[in-house]
N, C-alpha and C. Protein backbone atom coordinates (compact mmCIF):
# COMPACT_ATOMS: atom_id res chain seq x y z
N MET A 1 158.25 -61.65 110.50
CA MET A 1 158.26 -61.04 109.20
C MET A 1 156.97 -61.37 108.46
N ARG A 2 156.46 -60.35 107.81
CA ARG A 2 155.17 -60.51 107.12
C ARG A 2 155.41 -60.84 105.65
N THR A 3 154.59 -61.69 105.12
CA THR A 3 154.69 -62.04 103.71
C THR A 3 153.67 -61.23 102.92
N ARG A 4 153.81 -61.27 101.65
CA ARG A 4 152.89 -60.53 100.79
C ARG A 4 151.46 -61.06 100.91
N GLN A 5 151.30 -62.33 101.19
CA GLN A 5 149.97 -62.90 101.31
C GLN A 5 149.22 -62.31 102.50
N GLU A 6 149.89 -61.96 103.54
CA GLU A 6 149.24 -61.39 104.71
C GLU A 6 148.68 -60.01 104.40
N HIS A 7 149.29 -59.28 103.49
CA HIS A 7 148.79 -57.96 103.13
C HIS A 7 147.69 -58.04 102.09
N GLY A 8 147.54 -59.16 101.41
CA GLY A 8 146.45 -59.34 100.45
C GLY A 8 146.78 -58.93 99.03
N SER A 9 147.99 -58.47 98.75
CA SER A 9 148.28 -58.01 97.40
C SER A 9 148.47 -59.17 96.43
N PHE A 10 148.93 -60.31 96.85
CA PHE A 10 149.11 -61.48 95.98
C PHE A 10 148.28 -62.65 96.50
N ALA A 11 147.09 -62.40 96.92
CA ALA A 11 146.26 -63.45 97.50
C ALA A 11 145.95 -64.50 96.45
N PRO A 12 146.17 -65.78 96.73
CA PRO A 12 145.94 -66.83 95.74
C PRO A 12 144.47 -67.03 95.41
N ASN A 13 143.56 -66.63 96.23
CA ASN A 13 142.14 -66.83 95.99
C ASN A 13 141.46 -65.61 95.36
N ALA A 14 142.20 -64.60 94.99
CA ALA A 14 141.61 -63.42 94.37
C ALA A 14 141.09 -63.78 92.98
N ARG A 15 139.83 -63.43 92.67
CA ARG A 15 139.22 -63.77 91.39
C ARG A 15 138.53 -62.54 90.81
N GLY A 16 138.23 -62.64 89.49
CA GLY A 16 137.44 -61.59 88.86
C GLY A 16 138.27 -60.70 87.96
N PHE A 17 137.57 -59.73 87.39
CA PHE A 17 138.18 -58.79 86.47
C PHE A 17 138.01 -57.39 87.03
N THR A 18 138.89 -56.54 86.62
CA THR A 18 138.74 -55.14 87.04
C THR A 18 137.71 -54.47 86.15
N LEU A 19 137.22 -53.36 86.57
CA LEU A 19 136.22 -52.62 85.80
C LEU A 19 136.79 -52.18 84.46
N ILE A 20 138.02 -51.80 84.42
CA ILE A 20 138.66 -51.36 83.17
C ILE A 20 138.74 -52.52 82.18
N GLU A 21 139.07 -53.70 82.64
CA GLU A 21 139.13 -54.86 81.75
C GLU A 21 137.75 -55.16 81.16
N LEU A 22 136.73 -55.09 81.97
CA LEU A 22 135.37 -55.34 81.48
C LEU A 22 134.93 -54.29 80.46
N VAL A 23 135.24 -53.04 80.71
CA VAL A 23 134.87 -51.97 79.77
C VAL A 23 135.59 -52.16 78.44
N ILE A 24 136.84 -52.53 78.47
CA ILE A 24 137.61 -52.74 77.24
C ILE A 24 137.01 -53.88 76.43
N VAL A 25 136.63 -54.97 77.08
CA VAL A 25 136.03 -56.11 76.38
C VAL A 25 134.68 -55.71 75.77
N VAL A 26 133.87 -54.99 76.51
CA VAL A 26 132.56 -54.56 75.99
C VAL A 26 132.74 -53.63 74.79
N VAL A 27 133.68 -52.72 74.84
CA VAL A 27 133.95 -51.83 73.71
C VAL A 27 134.43 -52.61 72.51
N MET A 28 135.30 -53.59 72.69
CA MET A 28 135.78 -54.41 71.58
C MET A 28 134.63 -55.19 70.94
N ILE A 29 133.74 -55.76 71.74
CA ILE A 29 132.59 -56.49 71.21
C ILE A 29 131.68 -55.55 70.42
N ALA A 30 131.46 -54.34 70.92
CA ALA A 30 130.62 -53.37 70.22
C ALA A 30 131.22 -52.98 68.87
N ILE A 31 132.51 -52.79 68.81
CA ILE A 31 133.17 -52.43 67.55
C ILE A 31 133.07 -53.57 66.54
N LEU A 32 133.34 -54.79 66.97
CA LEU A 32 133.25 -55.94 66.07
C LEU A 32 131.81 -56.16 65.58
N SER A 33 130.85 -55.96 66.46
CA SER A 33 129.44 -56.10 66.06
C SER A 33 129.06 -55.04 65.03
N ALA A 34 129.51 -53.83 65.21
CA ALA A 34 129.20 -52.75 64.27
C ALA A 34 129.81 -53.03 62.90
N LEU A 35 130.97 -53.66 62.87
CA LEU A 35 131.61 -53.99 61.60
C LEU A 35 130.90 -55.17 60.91
N ALA A 36 130.39 -56.12 61.69
CA ALA A 36 129.78 -57.32 61.12
C ALA A 36 128.33 -57.12 60.71
N PHE A 37 127.62 -56.17 61.29
CA PHE A 37 126.18 -56.01 61.04
C PHE A 37 125.82 -55.75 59.58
N PRO A 38 126.49 -54.85 58.86
CA PRO A 38 126.10 -54.62 57.46
C PRO A 38 126.24 -55.87 56.59
N SER A 39 127.30 -56.63 56.76
CA SER A 39 127.45 -57.83 55.94
C SER A 39 126.45 -58.90 56.36
N MET A 40 126.04 -58.92 57.60
CA MET A 40 125.03 -59.87 58.05
C MET A 40 123.67 -59.53 57.43
N ARG A 41 123.36 -58.25 57.31
CA ARG A 41 122.09 -57.83 56.71
C ARG A 41 122.02 -58.26 55.25
N SER A 42 123.10 -58.08 54.50
CA SER A 42 123.10 -58.49 53.10
C SER A 42 123.02 -60.01 52.99
N PHE A 43 123.63 -60.72 53.90
CA PHE A 43 123.55 -62.18 53.92
C PHE A 43 122.11 -62.64 54.13
N ILE A 44 121.40 -62.02 55.04
CA ILE A 44 120.00 -62.39 55.33
C ILE A 44 119.12 -62.10 54.12
N VAL A 45 119.27 -60.93 53.52
CA VAL A 45 118.46 -60.57 52.34
C VAL A 45 118.72 -61.53 51.20
N ARG A 46 119.98 -61.82 50.94
CA ARG A 46 120.34 -62.73 49.85
C ARG A 46 119.76 -64.12 50.09
N ASN A 47 119.78 -64.60 51.33
CA ASN A 47 119.23 -65.92 51.64
C ASN A 47 117.71 -65.95 51.54
N ARG A 48 117.04 -64.86 51.88
CA ARG A 48 115.58 -64.82 51.71
C ARG A 48 115.20 -64.94 50.25
N VAL A 49 115.93 -64.26 49.38
CA VAL A 49 115.65 -64.34 47.94
C VAL A 49 115.94 -65.74 47.43
N ARG A 50 117.05 -66.31 47.84
CA ARG A 50 117.38 -67.68 47.41
C ARG A 50 116.34 -68.69 47.89
N ASP A 51 115.87 -68.54 49.12
CA ASP A 51 114.84 -69.45 49.65
C ASP A 51 113.55 -69.35 48.85
N ALA A 52 113.13 -68.13 48.56
CA ALA A 52 111.89 -67.95 47.78
C ALA A 52 112.05 -68.53 46.37
N ALA A 53 113.21 -68.29 45.75
CA ALA A 53 113.45 -68.83 44.41
C ALA A 53 113.48 -70.36 44.44
N SER A 54 114.09 -70.92 45.45
CA SER A 54 114.12 -72.38 45.58
C SER A 54 112.73 -72.95 45.80
N ASP A 55 111.94 -72.28 46.62
CA ASP A 55 110.57 -72.74 46.88
C ASP A 55 109.74 -72.79 45.60
N ILE A 56 109.79 -71.72 44.80
CA ILE A 56 108.99 -71.69 43.57
C ILE A 56 109.55 -72.69 42.56
N PHE A 57 110.87 -72.85 42.52
CA PHE A 57 111.50 -73.83 41.63
C PHE A 57 111.01 -75.25 41.95
N ILE A 58 110.99 -75.58 43.23
CA ILE A 58 110.57 -76.92 43.67
C ILE A 58 109.11 -77.16 43.32
N VAL A 59 108.24 -76.19 43.58
CA VAL A 59 106.82 -76.40 43.31
C VAL A 59 106.54 -76.45 41.81
N LEU A 60 107.32 -75.74 41.00
CA LEU A 60 107.17 -75.84 39.55
C LEU A 60 107.53 -77.25 39.07
N ASN A 61 108.61 -77.79 39.59
CA ASN A 61 108.98 -79.17 39.24
C ASN A 61 107.92 -80.17 39.72
N GLN A 62 107.36 -79.91 40.89
CA GLN A 62 106.32 -80.80 41.41
C GLN A 62 105.06 -80.73 40.55
N ALA A 63 104.66 -79.53 40.13
CA ALA A 63 103.48 -79.39 39.28
C ALA A 63 103.69 -80.09 37.94
N ARG A 64 104.87 -79.94 37.39
CA ARG A 64 105.19 -80.61 36.12
C ARG A 64 105.14 -82.13 36.29
N SER A 65 105.69 -82.60 37.38
CA SER A 65 105.69 -84.03 37.66
C SER A 65 104.26 -84.57 37.84
N GLU A 66 103.42 -83.82 38.52
CA GLU A 66 102.02 -84.23 38.70
C GLU A 66 101.29 -84.30 37.36
N ALA A 67 101.55 -83.34 36.47
CA ALA A 67 100.92 -83.35 35.14
C ALA A 67 101.33 -84.59 34.36
N LEU A 68 102.60 -84.92 34.42
CA LEU A 68 103.08 -86.13 33.73
C LEU A 68 102.51 -87.40 34.36
N LYS A 69 102.51 -87.46 35.68
CA LYS A 69 102.06 -88.65 36.40
C LYS A 69 100.56 -88.90 36.21
N ARG A 70 99.75 -87.84 36.30
CA ARG A 70 98.30 -87.98 36.22
C ARG A 70 97.76 -87.91 34.79
N ASN A 71 98.63 -87.48 33.87
CA ASN A 71 98.25 -87.35 32.45
C ASN A 71 97.07 -86.38 32.28
N VAL A 72 97.13 -85.27 33.01
CA VAL A 72 96.13 -84.20 32.92
C VAL A 72 96.83 -82.85 32.99
N THR A 73 96.11 -81.79 32.68
CA THR A 73 96.65 -80.43 32.82
C THR A 73 96.59 -80.03 34.29
N ILE A 74 97.71 -79.56 34.81
CA ILE A 74 97.83 -79.14 36.21
C ILE A 74 98.10 -77.64 36.25
N THR A 75 97.44 -76.95 37.18
CA THR A 75 97.58 -75.50 37.32
C THR A 75 98.23 -75.15 38.65
N LEU A 76 99.22 -74.30 38.58
CA LEU A 76 99.85 -73.70 39.77
C LEU A 76 99.44 -72.25 39.77
N SER A 77 98.84 -71.79 40.88
CA SER A 77 98.38 -70.40 40.93
C SER A 77 98.59 -69.83 42.33
N PRO A 78 98.62 -68.49 42.43
CA PRO A 78 98.72 -67.88 43.76
C PRO A 78 97.43 -68.09 44.54
N ILE A 79 97.53 -68.17 45.85
CA ILE A 79 96.34 -68.35 46.68
C ILE A 79 95.43 -67.14 46.57
N THR A 80 96.02 -65.94 46.62
CA THR A 80 95.28 -64.71 46.38
C THR A 80 95.61 -64.26 44.96
N ALA A 81 94.59 -64.12 44.14
CA ALA A 81 94.80 -63.79 42.72
C ALA A 81 95.73 -62.59 42.56
N GLY A 82 96.78 -62.77 41.76
CA GLY A 82 97.71 -61.68 41.46
C GLY A 82 98.80 -61.46 42.47
N SER A 83 98.81 -62.19 43.59
CA SER A 83 99.82 -61.96 44.63
C SER A 83 100.53 -63.26 44.98
N TRP A 84 101.68 -63.49 44.38
CA TRP A 84 102.44 -64.70 44.67
C TRP A 84 103.02 -64.66 46.08
N LEU A 85 103.14 -63.48 46.70
CA LEU A 85 103.62 -63.39 48.08
C LEU A 85 102.63 -63.99 49.07
N SER A 86 101.36 -64.12 48.66
CA SER A 86 100.34 -64.67 49.56
C SER A 86 100.41 -66.19 49.65
N GLY A 87 101.31 -66.80 48.88
CA GLY A 87 101.42 -68.25 48.85
C GLY A 87 100.89 -68.77 47.53
N TRP A 88 101.06 -70.05 47.29
CA TRP A 88 100.59 -70.64 46.04
C TRP A 88 100.16 -72.07 46.28
N HIS A 89 99.42 -72.60 45.31
CA HIS A 89 98.95 -73.96 45.44
C HIS A 89 98.82 -74.63 44.08
N ILE A 90 98.96 -75.96 44.10
CA ILE A 90 98.73 -76.77 42.91
C ILE A 90 97.31 -77.29 43.04
N VAL A 91 96.49 -76.98 42.06
CA VAL A 91 95.08 -77.33 42.12
C VAL A 91 94.87 -78.72 41.53
N ASP A 92 94.13 -79.56 42.26
CA ASP A 92 93.77 -80.89 41.77
C ASP A 92 92.67 -80.72 40.72
N PRO A 93 92.92 -81.14 39.48
CA PRO A 93 91.93 -80.93 38.42
C PRO A 93 90.66 -81.76 38.60
N VAL A 94 90.70 -82.80 39.40
CA VAL A 94 89.53 -83.66 39.59
C VAL A 94 88.64 -83.13 40.70
N THR A 95 89.22 -82.86 41.86
CA THR A 95 88.43 -82.44 43.02
C THR A 95 88.36 -80.93 43.18
N GLY A 96 89.30 -80.21 42.59
CA GLY A 96 89.37 -78.76 42.79
C GLY A 96 90.08 -78.38 44.06
N GLY A 97 90.50 -79.37 44.85
CA GLY A 97 91.24 -79.10 46.08
C GLY A 97 92.71 -78.84 45.79
N ASP A 98 93.48 -78.78 46.84
CA ASP A 98 94.92 -78.53 46.71
C ASP A 98 95.71 -79.84 46.74
N LEU A 99 96.58 -80.03 45.76
CA LEU A 99 97.54 -81.12 45.82
C LEU A 99 98.72 -80.72 46.69
N GLU A 100 99.04 -79.44 46.64
CA GLU A 100 100.16 -78.87 47.41
C GLU A 100 99.84 -77.41 47.65
N ALA A 101 100.10 -76.93 48.86
CA ALA A 101 99.91 -75.51 49.17
C ALA A 101 101.15 -74.99 49.87
N HIS A 102 101.52 -73.77 49.56
CA HIS A 102 102.69 -73.13 50.17
C HIS A 102 102.21 -71.91 50.94
N GLN A 103 102.74 -71.75 52.13
CA GLN A 103 102.37 -70.63 52.99
C GLN A 103 102.88 -69.31 52.42
N PRO A 104 102.31 -68.19 52.85
CA PRO A 104 102.79 -66.88 52.39
C PRO A 104 104.25 -66.65 52.77
N LEU A 105 104.94 -65.88 51.94
CA LEU A 105 106.32 -65.50 52.25
C LEU A 105 106.29 -64.43 53.32
N GLN A 106 107.08 -64.60 54.36
CA GLN A 106 107.05 -63.70 55.51
C GLN A 106 108.12 -62.63 55.50
N ALA A 107 108.86 -62.51 54.44
CA ALA A 107 109.95 -61.55 54.40
C ALA A 107 109.44 -60.12 54.25
N ILE A 108 110.07 -59.22 54.96
CA ILE A 108 109.73 -57.81 54.86
C ILE A 108 110.46 -57.23 53.65
N ASN A 109 109.83 -56.30 52.96
CA ASN A 109 110.41 -55.64 51.79
C ASN A 109 110.76 -56.64 50.68
N MET A 110 109.90 -57.61 50.46
CA MET A 110 110.12 -58.57 49.39
C MET A 110 109.02 -58.40 48.35
N SER A 111 109.40 -58.57 47.09
CA SER A 111 108.39 -58.56 46.02
C SER A 111 108.61 -59.78 45.14
N MET A 112 107.50 -60.28 44.61
CA MET A 112 107.56 -61.45 43.73
C MET A 112 106.50 -61.27 42.67
N THR A 113 106.93 -61.20 41.43
CA THR A 113 106.00 -61.06 40.32
C THR A 113 106.10 -62.28 39.43
N GLY A 114 104.99 -62.61 38.82
CA GLY A 114 104.96 -63.76 37.93
C GLY A 114 103.66 -63.76 37.15
N PRO A 115 103.42 -64.79 36.38
CA PRO A 115 102.20 -64.87 35.59
C PRO A 115 100.97 -65.08 36.49
N ALA A 116 99.79 -64.92 35.91
CA ALA A 116 98.55 -65.13 36.68
C ALA A 116 98.50 -66.57 37.20
N ASN A 117 98.95 -67.52 36.40
CA ASN A 117 99.08 -68.92 36.81
C ASN A 117 100.02 -69.62 35.84
N VAL A 118 100.42 -70.81 36.21
CA VAL A 118 101.27 -71.63 35.35
C VAL A 118 100.52 -72.94 35.13
N ARG A 119 100.33 -73.28 33.87
CA ARG A 119 99.59 -74.51 33.54
C ARG A 119 100.51 -75.45 32.76
N TYR A 120 100.59 -76.68 33.27
CA TYR A 120 101.36 -77.72 32.62
C TYR A 120 100.42 -78.71 31.93
N GLN A 121 100.72 -79.01 30.68
CA GLN A 121 99.96 -80.03 29.95
C GLN A 121 100.35 -81.42 30.44
N SER A 122 99.62 -82.40 30.01
CA SER A 122 99.92 -83.78 30.42
C SER A 122 101.27 -84.25 29.89
N THR A 123 101.84 -83.54 28.93
CA THR A 123 103.17 -83.86 28.40
C THR A 123 104.29 -83.23 29.22
N GLY A 124 103.94 -82.38 30.19
CA GLY A 124 104.94 -81.69 31.00
C GLY A 124 105.35 -80.35 30.41
N ARG A 125 104.79 -80.00 29.28
CA ARG A 125 105.09 -78.71 28.63
C ARG A 125 104.11 -77.67 29.12
N LEU A 126 104.50 -76.39 28.98
CA LEU A 126 103.59 -75.30 29.32
C LEU A 126 102.46 -75.21 28.30
N THR A 127 101.33 -74.69 28.73
CA THR A 127 100.21 -74.52 27.80
C THR A 127 100.38 -73.29 26.92
N VAL A 128 101.32 -72.39 27.30
CA VAL A 128 101.61 -71.21 26.47
C VAL A 128 102.90 -71.46 25.70
N ALA A 129 103.02 -70.80 24.55
CA ALA A 129 104.20 -71.02 23.70
C ALA A 129 105.42 -70.24 24.16
N ALA A 130 105.23 -69.18 24.92
CA ALA A 130 106.35 -68.33 25.33
C ALA A 130 106.88 -68.77 26.70
N ALA A 131 108.11 -68.39 26.99
CA ALA A 131 108.70 -68.67 28.30
C ALA A 131 108.01 -67.81 29.36
N VAL A 132 107.97 -68.33 30.57
CA VAL A 132 107.33 -67.67 31.70
C VAL A 132 108.41 -67.43 32.76
N ALA A 133 108.29 -66.34 33.53
CA ALA A 133 109.31 -66.06 34.54
C ALA A 133 108.71 -65.46 35.80
N PHE A 134 109.37 -65.73 36.91
CA PHE A 134 109.07 -65.13 38.21
C PHE A 134 110.26 -64.26 38.58
N ASN A 135 110.01 -63.03 38.99
CA ASN A 135 111.06 -62.13 39.45
C ASN A 135 110.88 -61.90 40.94
N ILE A 136 111.93 -62.16 41.68
CA ILE A 136 111.89 -62.08 43.14
C ILE A 136 112.95 -61.09 43.58
N SER A 137 112.59 -60.17 44.47
CA SER A 137 113.59 -59.24 45.00
C SER A 137 113.25 -58.90 46.44
N ALA A 138 114.28 -58.56 47.17
CA ALA A 138 114.13 -58.13 48.56
C ALA A 138 115.19 -57.09 48.84
N SER A 139 114.89 -56.21 49.79
CA SER A 139 115.85 -55.17 50.13
C SER A 139 115.85 -54.91 51.62
N SER A 140 116.96 -54.41 52.08
CA SER A 140 117.12 -53.98 53.46
C SER A 140 118.11 -52.83 53.45
N GLY A 141 117.65 -51.67 53.80
CA GLY A 141 118.52 -50.50 53.74
C GLY A 141 118.88 -50.21 52.30
N SER A 142 120.15 -50.11 52.02
CA SER A 142 120.59 -49.82 50.65
C SER A 142 120.92 -51.09 49.87
N TYR A 143 120.82 -52.26 50.50
CA TYR A 143 121.17 -53.51 49.83
C TYR A 143 119.93 -54.16 49.22
N THR A 144 120.02 -54.57 47.97
CA THR A 144 118.93 -55.25 47.28
C THR A 144 119.47 -56.51 46.62
N ALA A 145 118.72 -57.60 46.75
CA ALA A 145 119.07 -58.86 46.08
C ALA A 145 117.87 -59.29 45.25
N SER A 146 118.14 -59.93 44.13
CA SER A 146 117.04 -60.40 43.28
C SER A 146 117.42 -61.69 42.59
N ALA A 147 116.39 -62.41 42.18
CA ALA A 147 116.58 -63.66 41.45
C ALA A 147 115.43 -63.80 40.47
N ARG A 148 115.65 -64.63 39.49
CA ARG A 148 114.64 -64.88 38.46
C ARG A 148 114.51 -66.39 38.29
N VAL A 149 113.27 -66.87 38.34
CA VAL A 149 112.99 -68.27 38.06
C VAL A 149 112.23 -68.29 36.75
N ALA A 150 112.85 -68.84 35.72
CA ALA A 150 112.24 -68.87 34.39
C ALA A 150 111.85 -70.29 34.03
N ILE A 151 110.81 -70.41 33.22
CA ILE A 151 110.35 -71.71 32.75
C ILE A 151 110.35 -71.65 31.24
N ASP A 152 111.11 -72.53 30.62
CA ASP A 152 111.12 -72.54 29.16
C ASP A 152 109.86 -73.26 28.66
N PRO A 153 109.51 -73.12 27.39
CA PRO A 153 108.28 -73.73 26.87
C PRO A 153 108.20 -75.25 27.06
N SER A 154 109.34 -75.91 27.21
CA SER A 154 109.31 -77.35 27.45
C SER A 154 108.86 -77.67 28.87
N GLY A 155 108.77 -76.65 29.73
CA GLY A 155 108.28 -76.83 31.10
C GLY A 155 109.36 -76.92 32.15
N ARG A 156 110.62 -76.86 31.75
CA ARG A 156 111.70 -76.98 32.71
C ARG A 156 112.03 -75.63 33.35
N PRO A 157 111.95 -75.54 34.68
CA PRO A 157 112.32 -74.28 35.35
C PRO A 157 113.82 -74.22 35.62
N TYR A 158 114.33 -73.00 35.71
CA TYR A 158 115.72 -72.80 36.11
C TYR A 158 115.83 -71.46 36.82
N ILE A 159 116.83 -71.35 37.69
CA ILE A 159 117.02 -70.16 38.53
C ILE A 159 118.21 -69.37 38.01
N THR A 160 118.00 -68.06 37.88
CA THR A 160 119.09 -67.15 37.55
C THR A 160 119.13 -66.10 38.63
N GLU A 161 120.26 -66.01 39.33
CA GLU A 161 120.39 -65.01 40.37
C GLU A 161 120.98 -63.75 39.79
N MET A 162 120.40 -62.63 40.14
CA MET A 162 120.89 -61.32 39.69
C MET A 162 121.22 -60.49 40.91
N LEU A 163 122.29 -60.83 41.60
CA LEU A 163 122.63 -60.15 42.84
C LEU A 163 123.40 -58.90 42.60
């Protein structure tokens, strides 16, 4: 008498998946990816704006701290005049070199506007009487995220997100 194992229908060593099982799994992965992609794009854009806002916030605090520490006027300016996207640097008032330099922002479809430069007095206050602000925005497809980094006349920066 023959057993089922001799015919191969219930072979204990049979491994693998059928073609139909593989196609179903690939289709399910494609559907889930298509559903997740739009929210992932907005997540990336929002994080790029937050990163840029955090970077400028940190360097503003550093410039203010240097002005207080050195008891001199410190200037923060873009590396390329008028373009904060090209990067920025804190200029050493004694040597004219850089105390701190930031690389250009590499995000696609990003804009960043701000004053020609930011100058901190030795007291940590701005040299201008009015508040100063940086506006940062980025977009991808139909999604746009933006943030604002403002500096009050006392020299303290703060971030306001406008998502």
